[in-house]
Amino acid sequence: MFEPGPYSIVDRFGTLMYKGAVFALVGFATGLVGTAISNGLIMMRKKMDPSFETPNKPPPTLLNAFTWAAHMGSAAISDTKV
């Protein structure tokens, strides 16, 4: 990001936002898939063993995915050494 060259502040800020958006998108997608798999496995276990009780309720899929998106997006921005 801080490579010498003809890069303006707008170019550098745009790169920072672009990388943050890319990482947020990856975080959202993986959070969505991971939570869906986890919830699916819990439901499968409940079908196989009706006496099974989860110690806590499964997290909402979309909320968890958005949380991962926020985490990954902010981590990408802080890793760029602003």
N, C-alpha and C. Protein backbone atom coordinates (compact mmCIF):
# COMPACT_ATOMS: atom_id res chain seq x y z
N MET A 1 0.82 -1.20 0.00
CA MET A 1 0.00 0.00 0.00
C MET A 1 0.86 1.26 0.00
N PHE A 2 2.01 1.20 0.65
CA PHE A 2 2.86 2.39 0.72
C PHE A 2 4.08 2.26 -0.19
N GLU A 3 3.90 1.55 -1.28
CA GLU A 3 4.93 1.40 -2.30
C GLU A 3 5.19 2.76 -2.92
N PRO A 4 6.46 3.14 -3.10
CA PRO A 4 6.71 4.43 -3.75
C PRO A 4 6.20 4.40 -5.19
N GLY A 5 5.73 5.52 -5.63
CA GLY A 5 5.24 5.61 -6.99
C GLY A 5 4.21 6.71 -7.13
N PRO A 6 3.60 6.80 -8.28
CA PRO A 6 2.65 7.89 -8.54
C PRO A 6 1.25 7.60 -7.99
N TYR A 7 1.16 7.19 -6.72
CA TYR A 7 -0.13 6.86 -6.12
C TYR A 7 -0.59 8.01 -5.24
N SER A 8 -1.79 8.50 -5.51
CA SER A 8 -2.33 9.60 -4.70
C SER A 8 -2.95 9.06 -3.42
N ILE A 9 -3.32 9.96 -2.54
CA ILE A 9 -3.99 9.57 -1.30
C ILE A 9 -5.32 8.89 -1.62
N VAL A 10 -6.01 9.35 -2.64
CA VAL A 10 -7.29 8.75 -3.04
C VAL A 10 -7.06 7.32 -3.52
N ASP A 11 -5.99 7.09 -4.29
CA ASP A 11 -5.67 5.73 -4.74
C ASP A 11 -5.39 4.81 -3.56
N ARG A 12 -4.62 5.30 -2.61
CA ARG A 12 -4.26 4.50 -1.45
C ARG A 12 -5.48 4.21 -0.57
N PHE A 13 -6.31 5.21 -0.37
CA PHE A 13 -7.52 5.02 0.43
C PHE A 13 -8.48 4.06 -0.28
N GLY A 14 -8.57 4.17 -1.61
CA GLY A 14 -9.42 3.27 -2.38
C GLY A 14 -8.95 1.83 -2.27
N THR A 15 -7.64 1.61 -2.28
CA THR A 15 -7.09 0.26 -2.11
C THR A 15 -7.43 -0.28 -0.73
N LEU A 16 -7.31 0.57 0.27
CA LEU A 16 -7.64 0.17 1.64
C LEU A 16 -9.10 -0.26 1.75
N MET A 17 -10.00 0.51 1.17
CA MET A 17 -11.43 0.17 1.21
C MET A 17 -11.73 -1.08 0.38
N TYR A 18 -11.05 -1.21 -0.76
CA TYR A 18 -11.25 -2.38 -1.61
C TYR A 18 -10.84 -3.66 -0.88
N LYS A 19 -9.67 -3.65 -0.27
CA LYS A 19 -9.20 -4.83 0.46
C LYS A 19 -10.12 -5.13 1.65
N GLY A 20 -10.58 -4.08 2.34
CA GLY A 20 -11.53 -4.29 3.44
C GLY A 20 -12.82 -4.94 2.95
N ALA A 21 -13.32 -4.49 1.79
CA ALA A 21 -14.55 -5.06 1.23
C ALA A 21 -14.36 -6.51 0.79
N VAL A 22 -13.20 -6.81 0.20
CA VAL A 22 -12.92 -8.18 -0.24
C VAL A 22 -12.88 -9.11 0.98
N PHE A 23 -12.14 -8.70 2.01
CA PHE A 23 -12.05 -9.53 3.20
C PHE A 23 -13.40 -9.67 3.89
N ALA A 24 -14.20 -8.61 3.90
CA ALA A 24 -15.54 -8.68 4.51
C ALA A 24 -16.42 -9.65 3.74
N LEU A 25 -16.33 -9.64 2.43
CA LEU A 25 -17.12 -10.56 1.61
C LEU A 25 -16.72 -12.02 1.88
N VAL A 26 -15.42 -12.25 1.98
CA VAL A 26 -14.94 -13.60 2.29
C VAL A 26 -15.39 -14.01 3.68
N GLY A 27 -15.32 -13.10 4.65
CA GLY A 27 -15.77 -13.39 6.01
C GLY A 27 -17.25 -13.70 6.06
N PHE A 28 -18.05 -12.95 5.29
CA PHE A 28 -19.49 -13.20 5.25
C PHE A 28 -19.78 -14.58 4.66
N ALA A 29 -19.14 -14.88 3.54
CA ALA A 29 -19.40 -16.17 2.88
C ALA A 29 -18.99 -17.35 3.76
N THR A 30 -17.81 -17.28 4.34
CA THR A 30 -17.35 -18.39 5.17
C THR A 30 -18.14 -18.47 6.47
N GLY A 31 -18.55 -17.33 7.01
CA GLY A 31 -19.39 -17.35 8.21
C GLY A 31 -20.75 -17.96 7.93
N LEU A 32 -21.29 -17.66 6.76
CA LEU A 32 -22.58 -18.21 6.36
C LEU A 32 -22.48 -19.73 6.19
N VAL A 33 -21.49 -20.17 5.47
CA VAL A 33 -21.32 -21.61 5.23
C VAL A 33 -21.00 -22.35 6.52
N GLY A 34 -20.07 -21.81 7.31
CA GLY A 34 -19.68 -22.48 8.55
C GLY A 34 -20.82 -22.60 9.55
N THR A 35 -21.60 -21.54 9.71
CA THR A 35 -22.72 -21.57 10.64
C THR A 35 -23.82 -22.51 10.14
N ALA A 36 -24.05 -22.49 8.84
CA ALA A 36 -25.07 -23.39 8.27
C ALA A 36 -24.66 -24.86 8.47
N ILE A 37 -23.39 -25.16 8.27
CA ILE A 37 -22.92 -26.53 8.48
C ILE A 37 -23.06 -26.92 9.95
N SER A 38 -22.64 -26.03 10.82
CA SER A 38 -22.73 -26.31 12.26
C SER A 38 -24.17 -26.54 12.70
N ASN A 39 -25.06 -25.66 12.28
CA ASN A 39 -26.48 -25.82 12.64
C ASN A 39 -27.06 -27.10 12.03
N GLY A 40 -26.64 -27.42 10.81
CA GLY A 40 -27.10 -28.65 10.16
C GLY A 40 -26.65 -29.90 10.92
N LEU A 41 -25.40 -29.89 11.38
CA LEU A 41 -24.91 -31.02 12.16
C LEU A 41 -25.66 -31.17 13.49
N ILE A 42 -25.98 -30.06 14.11
CA ILE A 42 -26.75 -30.12 15.36
C ILE A 42 -28.15 -30.68 15.08
N MET A 43 -28.79 -30.24 14.00
CA MET A 43 -30.11 -30.76 13.67
C MET A 43 -30.05 -32.25 13.34
N MET A 44 -28.99 -32.68 12.64
CA MET A 44 -28.84 -34.09 12.32
C MET A 44 -28.66 -34.91 13.60
N ARG A 45 -27.89 -34.40 14.53
CA ARG A 45 -27.69 -35.11 15.80
C ARG A 45 -29.01 -35.24 16.56
N LYS A 46 -29.82 -34.17 16.54
CA LYS A 46 -31.12 -34.21 17.23
C LYS A 46 -32.04 -35.24 16.59
N LYS A 47 -31.98 -35.40 15.26
CA LYS A 47 -32.81 -36.40 14.58
C LYS A 47 -32.35 -37.81 14.92
N MET A 48 -31.04 -38.01 15.02
CA MET A 48 -30.50 -39.33 15.32
C MET A 48 -30.68 -39.70 16.79
N ASP A 49 -30.62 -38.71 17.67
CA ASP A 49 -30.74 -38.94 19.11
C ASP A 49 -31.74 -37.93 19.68
N PRO A 50 -33.04 -38.29 19.72
CA PRO A 50 -34.05 -37.34 20.18
C PRO A 50 -33.84 -36.86 21.62
N SER A 51 -33.09 -37.58 22.43
CA SER A 51 -32.86 -37.14 23.80
C SER A 51 -31.72 -36.12 23.90
N PHE A 52 -31.04 -35.85 22.78
CA PHE A 52 -29.92 -34.90 22.79
C PHE A 52 -30.43 -33.49 23.00
N GLU A 53 -29.82 -32.79 23.93
CA GLU A 53 -30.13 -31.38 24.19
C GLU A 53 -28.84 -30.57 24.06
N THR A 54 -28.90 -29.50 23.29
CA THR A 54 -27.71 -28.65 23.15
C THR A 54 -27.52 -27.83 24.41
N PRO A 55 -26.28 -27.60 24.82
CA PRO A 55 -26.04 -26.80 26.03
C PRO A 55 -26.43 -25.33 25.84
N ASN A 56 -26.40 -24.86 24.63
CA ASN A 56 -26.84 -23.49 24.33
C ASN A 56 -27.51 -23.49 22.97
N LYS A 57 -28.27 -22.45 22.69
CA LYS A 57 -29.00 -22.44 21.42
C LYS A 57 -28.06 -22.03 20.28
N PRO A 58 -28.27 -22.60 19.10
CA PRO A 58 -27.39 -22.28 17.96
C PRO A 58 -27.50 -20.81 17.57
N PRO A 59 -26.41 -20.21 17.11
CA PRO A 59 -26.45 -18.79 16.73
C PRO A 59 -27.24 -18.59 15.44
N PRO A 60 -27.85 -17.42 15.29
CA PRO A 60 -28.54 -17.12 14.03
C PRO A 60 -27.51 -17.05 12.88
N THR A 61 -27.84 -17.67 11.79
CA THR A 61 -26.89 -17.81 10.68
C THR A 61 -26.48 -16.46 10.10
N LEU A 62 -27.42 -15.60 9.78
CA LEU A 62 -27.08 -14.32 9.15
C LEU A 62 -26.33 -13.39 10.11
N LEU A 63 -26.74 -13.35 11.35
CA LEU A 63 -26.06 -12.49 12.32
C LEU A 63 -24.61 -12.93 12.49
N ASN A 64 -24.39 -14.22 12.58
CA ASN A 64 -23.04 -14.74 12.71
C ASN A 64 -22.21 -14.42 11.46
N ALA A 65 -22.81 -14.53 10.29
CA ALA A 65 -22.10 -14.22 9.04
C ALA A 65 -21.73 -12.74 8.98
N PHE A 66 -22.64 -11.86 9.38
CA PHE A 66 -22.33 -10.43 9.39
C PHE A 66 -21.25 -10.09 10.41
N THR A 67 -21.25 -10.80 11.53
CA THR A 67 -20.22 -10.58 12.54
C THR A 67 -18.85 -10.97 11.99
N TRP A 68 -18.78 -12.10 11.28
CA TRP A 68 -17.52 -12.50 10.65
C TRP A 68 -17.11 -11.50 9.58
N ALA A 69 -18.07 -10.97 8.84
CA ALA A 69 -17.76 -9.96 7.82
C ALA A 69 -17.15 -8.72 8.46
N ALA A 70 -17.72 -8.26 9.56
CA ALA A 70 -17.18 -7.09 10.25
C ALA A 70 -15.78 -7.37 10.78
N HIS A 71 -15.60 -8.54 11.34
CA HIS A 71 -14.28 -8.90 11.88
C HIS A 71 -13.22 -8.96 10.77
N MET A 72 -13.53 -9.66 9.70
CA MET A 72 -12.55 -9.81 8.62
C MET A 72 -12.28 -8.47 7.91
N GLY A 73 -13.33 -7.69 7.71
CA GLY A 73 -13.15 -6.39 7.06
C GLY A 73 -12.28 -5.45 7.88
N SER A 74 -12.51 -5.41 9.17
CA SER A 74 -11.71 -4.54 10.03
C SER A 74 -10.30 -5.09 10.19
N ALA A 75 -10.15 -6.41 10.20
CA ALA A 75 -8.81 -7.01 10.30
C ALA A 75 -8.00 -6.69 9.05
N ALA A 76 -8.65 -6.68 7.91
CA ALA A 76 -7.93 -6.37 6.66
C ALA A 76 -7.44 -4.93 6.68
N ILE A 77 -8.25 -4.05 7.20
CA ILE A 77 -7.86 -2.63 7.24
C ILE A 77 -6.73 -2.43 8.24
N SER A 78 -6.80 -3.09 9.40
CA SER A 78 -5.74 -2.88 10.38
C SER A 78 -4.44 -3.58 9.97
N ASP A 79 -4.54 -4.65 9.18
CA ASP A 79 -3.34 -5.34 8.73
C ASP A 79 -2.58 -4.56 7.65
N THR A 80 -3.20 -3.55 7.09
CA THR A 80 -2.57 -2.81 6.03
C THR A 80 -1.59 -1.77 6.58
N LYS A 81 -1.49 -1.69 7.88
CA LYS A 81 -0.55 -0.78 8.56
C LYS A 81 -0.78 0.66 8.15
N VAL A 82 -1.97 1.15 8.46
CA VAL A 82 -2.36 2.50 8.08
C VAL A 82 -1.44 3.51 8.68
